[in-house]
């Protein structure tokens, strides 16, 4: 498998606020409390995001500022700069046409929910259980097993399992970055994935020199997912 990778909340007084945002048919509702004595956010027992209830726990660290960004989908808003950029990508990849299927070779996926499981965000792409990228200091967790995707790579395995072998995955992603001229906790990615067989990469490639039958893409001592 060859993967082409992509192109504060503070208050001085006790507050209790209920937020309800609606995007088309999806509703987000959450009550946020701030305890000035403990200087910490107090979460309700559950958050309603994209019409689904998520229980909170000791891992919950997503803030109201971030939750209000869910569902904005700037890359889908006509005339937004991100819309124009992703549209240029569509036009480029749609020119690769499969005459046998009467459709473009690359599928464009841009409407997947940013709420994913830890299995999707980490395990599915072989990130070790003790890797620093899993920590609360780097991610926005809804609970121990659920978070806002840190990369569009969280959808690779699901899309491949669905039968796709060439696709772009576009969406908003969330990381606990400090805000500066080049960083913001919400940004966008475009993931490009194309699967090749060994024959396509080696045997049928006239630019490969040597024993094409015994060439390998990866070593034999690594971790491998159990399909494709």
Protein backbone atom coordinates (compact mmCIF):
# COMPACT_ATOMS: atom_id res chain seq x y z
CA UNK A 1 0.00 0.00 0.00
CA UNK A 2 1.46 3.35 -1.02
CA UNK A 3 0.10 6.37 0.85
CA UNK A 4 0.55 9.87 -0.56
CA UNK A 5 0.31 12.15 2.45
CA UNK A 6 -1.20 15.54 2.53
CA UNK A 7 -0.77 18.15 0.75
CA UNK A 8 -8.56 29.49 26.02
CA UNK A 9 -10.86 29.32 27.76
CA UNK A 10 -10.52 31.42 30.97
CA UNK A 11 -12.98 33.11 33.33
CA UNK A 12 -12.62 35.04 36.58
CA UNK A 13 -16.04 34.01 37.86
CA UNK A 14 -18.10 30.86 38.11
CA UNK A 15 -20.04 30.34 34.92
CA UNK A 16 -22.59 27.88 33.61
CA UNK A 17 -23.43 28.02 29.95
CA UNK A 18 -25.46 25.90 27.60
CA UNK A 19 -24.37 25.83 23.98
CA UNK A 20 -26.52 24.54 21.17
CA UNK A 21 -25.32 24.74 17.61
CA UNK A 22 -27.14 23.39 14.59
CA UNK A 23 -25.61 22.56 11.23
CA UNK A 24 -28.18 21.20 8.79
CA UNK A 25 -29.61 18.21 10.70
CA UNK A 26 -26.75 17.79 13.15
CA UNK A 27 -27.07 19.25 16.65
CA UNK A 28 -24.35 19.84 19.23
CA UNK A 29 -25.37 20.60 22.84
CA UNK A 30 -23.04 20.90 25.80
CA UNK A 31 -23.05 22.55 29.23
CA UNK A 32 -19.74 24.00 30.33
CA UNK A 33 -18.91 25.05 33.89
CA UNK A 34 -15.79 26.80 35.11
CA UNK A 35 -14.67 26.48 38.72
CA UNK A 36 -12.53 29.54 39.64
CA UNK A 37 -11.33 27.94 42.87
CA UNK A 38 -9.99 24.82 41.20
CA UNK A 39 -9.30 26.85 38.04
CA UNK A 40 -10.59 24.04 35.90
CA UNK A 41 -13.46 23.18 33.60
CA UNK A 42 -16.26 21.05 35.04
CA UNK A 43 -17.85 18.83 32.41
CA UNK A 44 -21.41 17.47 32.39
CA UNK A 45 -21.96 13.72 32.46
CA UNK A 46 -22.37 13.68 28.69
CA UNK A 47 -21.91 15.80 25.58
CA UNK A 48 -24.30 15.74 22.62
CA UNK A 49 -22.30 16.00 19.42
CA UNK A 50 -23.65 15.33 15.94
CA UNK A 51 -26.90 14.09 17.50
CA UNK A 52 -25.08 11.45 19.53
CA UNK A 53 -24.55 11.28 23.30
CA UNK A 54 -20.98 10.84 24.51
CA UNK A 55 -20.26 10.20 28.22
CA UNK A 56 -17.44 12.22 29.73
CA UNK A 57 -14.72 10.92 32.03
CA UNK A 58 -11.28 11.80 33.38
CA UNK A 59 -9.91 11.94 29.83
CA UNK A 60 -12.33 14.65 28.67
CA UNK A 61 -10.38 17.80 27.83
CA UNK A 62 -12.10 19.29 24.78
CA UNK A 63 -13.00 22.95 25.32
CA UNK A 64 -16.06 24.98 24.34
CA UNK A 65 -13.93 26.95 21.88
CA UNK A 66 -13.12 23.74 20.04
CA UNK A 67 -16.58 22.18 20.30
CA UNK A 68 -18.07 25.25 18.63
CA UNK A 69 -15.93 24.50 15.57
CA UNK A 70 -17.49 21.09 14.96
CA UNK A 71 -19.78 21.22 11.96
CA UNK A 72 -18.49 24.48 10.48
CA UNK A 73 -17.02 22.54 7.54
CA UNK A 74 -15.25 25.54 6.03
CA UNK A 75 -13.98 23.40 3.17
CA UNK A 76 -17.59 22.88 2.04
CA UNK A 77 -18.69 26.53 2.25
CA UNK A 78 -18.93 27.93 -1.24
CA UNK A 79 -16.63 30.91 -1.86
CA UNK A 80 -14.48 30.13 1.19
CA UNK A 81 -10.75 29.92 0.27
CA UNK A 82 -10.63 26.32 1.49
CA UNK A 83 -13.54 25.47 -0.78
CA UNK A 84 -11.68 26.86 -3.78
CA UNK A 85 -8.53 24.96 -2.83
CA UNK A 86 -10.29 21.62 -2.42
CA UNK A 87 -12.22 22.25 -5.63
CA UNK A 88 -8.92 22.62 -7.49
CA UNK A 89 -7.85 19.27 -6.05
CA UNK A 90 -11.09 17.70 -7.23
CA UNK A 91 -10.64 19.02 -10.74
CA UNK A 92 -7.10 17.69 -10.90
CA UNK A 93 -7.83 14.17 -9.64
CA UNK A 94 -11.10 13.81 -11.54
CA UNK A 95 -9.15 14.01 -14.79
CA UNK A 96 -7.83 10.51 -14.06
CA UNK A 97 -10.66 8.46 -15.51
CA UNK A 98 -11.27 4.72 -15.39
CA UNK A 99 -12.86 3.78 -18.72
CA UNK A 100 -13.89 0.33 -17.43
CA UNK A 101 -15.88 1.68 -14.46
CA UNK A 102 -16.98 4.85 -16.27
CA UNK A 103 -15.93 6.91 -13.26
CA UNK A 104 -12.90 8.84 -11.94
CA UNK A 105 -10.11 6.70 -10.55
CA UNK A 106 -10.03 8.71 -7.32
CA UNK A 107 -13.02 9.05 -5.00
CA UNK A 108 -13.33 12.32 -3.04
CA UNK A 109 -14.50 11.96 0.58
CA UNK A 110 -15.11 15.24 2.44
CA UNK A 111 -18.08 14.69 4.76
CA UNK A 112 -16.87 12.30 7.47
CA UNK A 113 -17.47 13.21 11.12
CA UNK A 114 -14.37 14.46 12.96
CA UNK A 115 -15.41 12.40 16.00
CA UNK A 116 -13.46 9.14 15.90
CA UNK A 117 -12.38 6.34 18.19
CA UNK A 118 -8.88 5.86 19.51
CA UNK A 119 -8.76 2.68 17.43
CA UNK A 120 -9.39 4.70 14.28
CA UNK A 121 -7.04 7.55 15.15
CA UNK A 122 -4.12 5.48 16.46
CA UNK A 123 -4.39 1.68 16.36
CA UNK A 124 -5.54 1.44 12.75
CA UNK A 125 -2.37 3.15 11.54
CA UNK A 126 -0.08 1.21 13.88
CA UNK A 127 0.71 3.98 16.40
CA UNK A 128 2.14 2.28 19.54
CA UNK A 129 0.06 2.37 22.71
CA UNK A 130 2.76 4.36 24.56
CA UNK A 131 3.44 6.84 21.75
CA UNK A 132 3.53 10.52 22.73
CA UNK A 133 1.01 11.41 20.01
CA UNK A 134 -1.72 9.66 22.06
CA UNK A 135 -1.37 11.93 25.11
CA UNK A 136 -4.03 14.32 26.42
CA UNK A 137 -1.61 17.20 25.95
CA UNK A 138 -1.68 16.64 22.18
CA UNK A 139 -5.32 15.69 21.53
CA UNK A 140 -8.87 16.78 22.26
CA UNK A 141 -10.51 13.83 24.01
CA UNK A 142 -14.27 13.51 24.42
CA UNK A 143 -13.66 10.49 26.62
CA UNK A 144 -11.03 7.79 26.98
CA UNK A 145 -12.09 5.97 23.83
CA UNK A 146 -13.28 8.91 21.69
CA UNK A 147 -11.60 12.06 20.44
CA UNK A 148 -11.58 14.62 17.67
CA UNK A 149 -9.46 13.28 14.84
CA UNK A 150 -5.87 14.52 14.85
CA UNK A 151 -5.46 13.65 11.17
CA UNK A 152 -7.52 12.45 8.25
CA UNK A 153 -5.46 9.25 8.43
CA UNK A 154 -8.03 8.12 11.01
CA UNK A 155 -10.32 7.17 8.11
CA UNK A 156 -7.84 5.29 5.91
CA UNK A 157 -8.64 1.79 7.13
CA UNK A 158 -12.42 2.27 7.09
CA UNK A 159 -12.35 3.64 3.55
CA UNK A 160 -10.11 0.84 2.31
CA UNK A 161 -12.35 -1.74 3.97
CA UNK A 162 -15.31 -0.19 2.16
CA UNK A 163 -13.68 -1.19 -1.12
CA UNK A 164 -11.93 2.01 -2.17
CA UNK A 165 -8.39 1.71 -3.46
CA UNK A 166 -7.80 5.31 -4.62
CA UNK A 167 -9.25 8.26 -2.76
CA UNK A 168 -8.78 11.70 -1.24
CA UNK A 169 -10.06 12.32 2.28
CA UNK A 170 -10.58 16.00 3.16
CA UNK A 171 -11.62 17.37 6.54
CA UNK A 172 -11.05 19.48 9.63
CA UNK A 173 -8.58 18.10 12.17
CA UNK A 174 -7.88 19.01 15.79
CA UNK A 175 -4.66 19.16 17.79
CA UNK A 176 -3.73 20.93 21.01
CA UNK A 177 -1.29 23.32 19.38
CA UNK A 178 -0.36 26.69 20.85
CA UNK A 179 -1.64 29.49 18.65
CA UNK A 180 1.06 31.33 16.73
CA UNK A 181 1.50 32.62 13.15
CA UNK A 182 1.78 29.07 11.79
CA UNK A 183 -0.28 26.99 14.25
CA UNK A 184 -3.92 26.80 15.27
CA UNK A 185 -5.73 23.97 17.09
CA UNK A 186 -8.18 23.50 14.20
CA UNK A 187 -6.91 23.11 10.66
CA UNK A 188 -7.59 21.06 7.54
CA UNK A 189 -5.92 18.17 5.79
CA UNK A 190 -6.25 16.34 2.52
CA UNK A 191 -5.21 12.69 2.60
CA UNK A 192 -4.32 10.94 -0.63
CA UNK A 193 -4.28 7.14 -0.77
CA UNK A 194 -3.62 4.82 -3.71
CA UNK A 195 -3.21 1.05 -3.39
CA UNK A 196 -0.87 -0.78 -5.73
CA UNK A 197 -0.33 -4.48 -6.24
CA UNK A 198 3.16 -5.93 -6.30
CA UNK A 199 2.76 -6.48 -10.01
CA UNK A 200 1.88 -2.84 -10.62
CA UNK A 201 4.84 -1.61 -8.60
CA UNK A 202 7.54 -4.01 -9.69
CA UNK A 203 6.81 -6.68 -12.26
CA UNK A 204 5.07 -4.43 -14.76
CA UNK A 205 7.36 -1.47 -14.15
CA UNK A 206 10.00 -1.17 -16.84
CA UNK A 207 12.02 1.22 -14.68
CA UNK A 208 12.70 -1.47 -12.05
CA UNK A 209 15.98 -3.29 -12.58
CA UNK A 210 16.79 -6.69 -11.06
CA UNK A 211 14.82 -9.62 -9.71
CA UNK A 212 11.31 -8.18 -9.80
CA UNK A 213 9.69 -11.33 -8.41
CA UNK A 214 11.50 -11.08 -5.06
CA UNK A 215 11.30 -7.35 -4.44
CA UNK A 216 9.44 -6.29 -1.28
CA UNK A 217 7.82 -2.98 -0.34
CA UNK A 218 8.38 -3.43 3.41
CA UNK A 219 10.63 -5.51 5.62
CA UNK A 220 9.47 -8.74 7.23
CA UNK A 221 9.77 -7.68 10.90
CA UNK A 222 7.26 -4.83 10.95
CA UNK A 223 3.62 -4.65 11.98
CA UNK A 224 1.08 -5.20 9.22
CA UNK A 225 -2.67 -4.76 9.12
CA UNK A 226 -4.57 -7.92 8.28
CA UNK A 227 -6.04 -6.90 4.94
CA UNK A 228 -4.86 -5.46 1.65
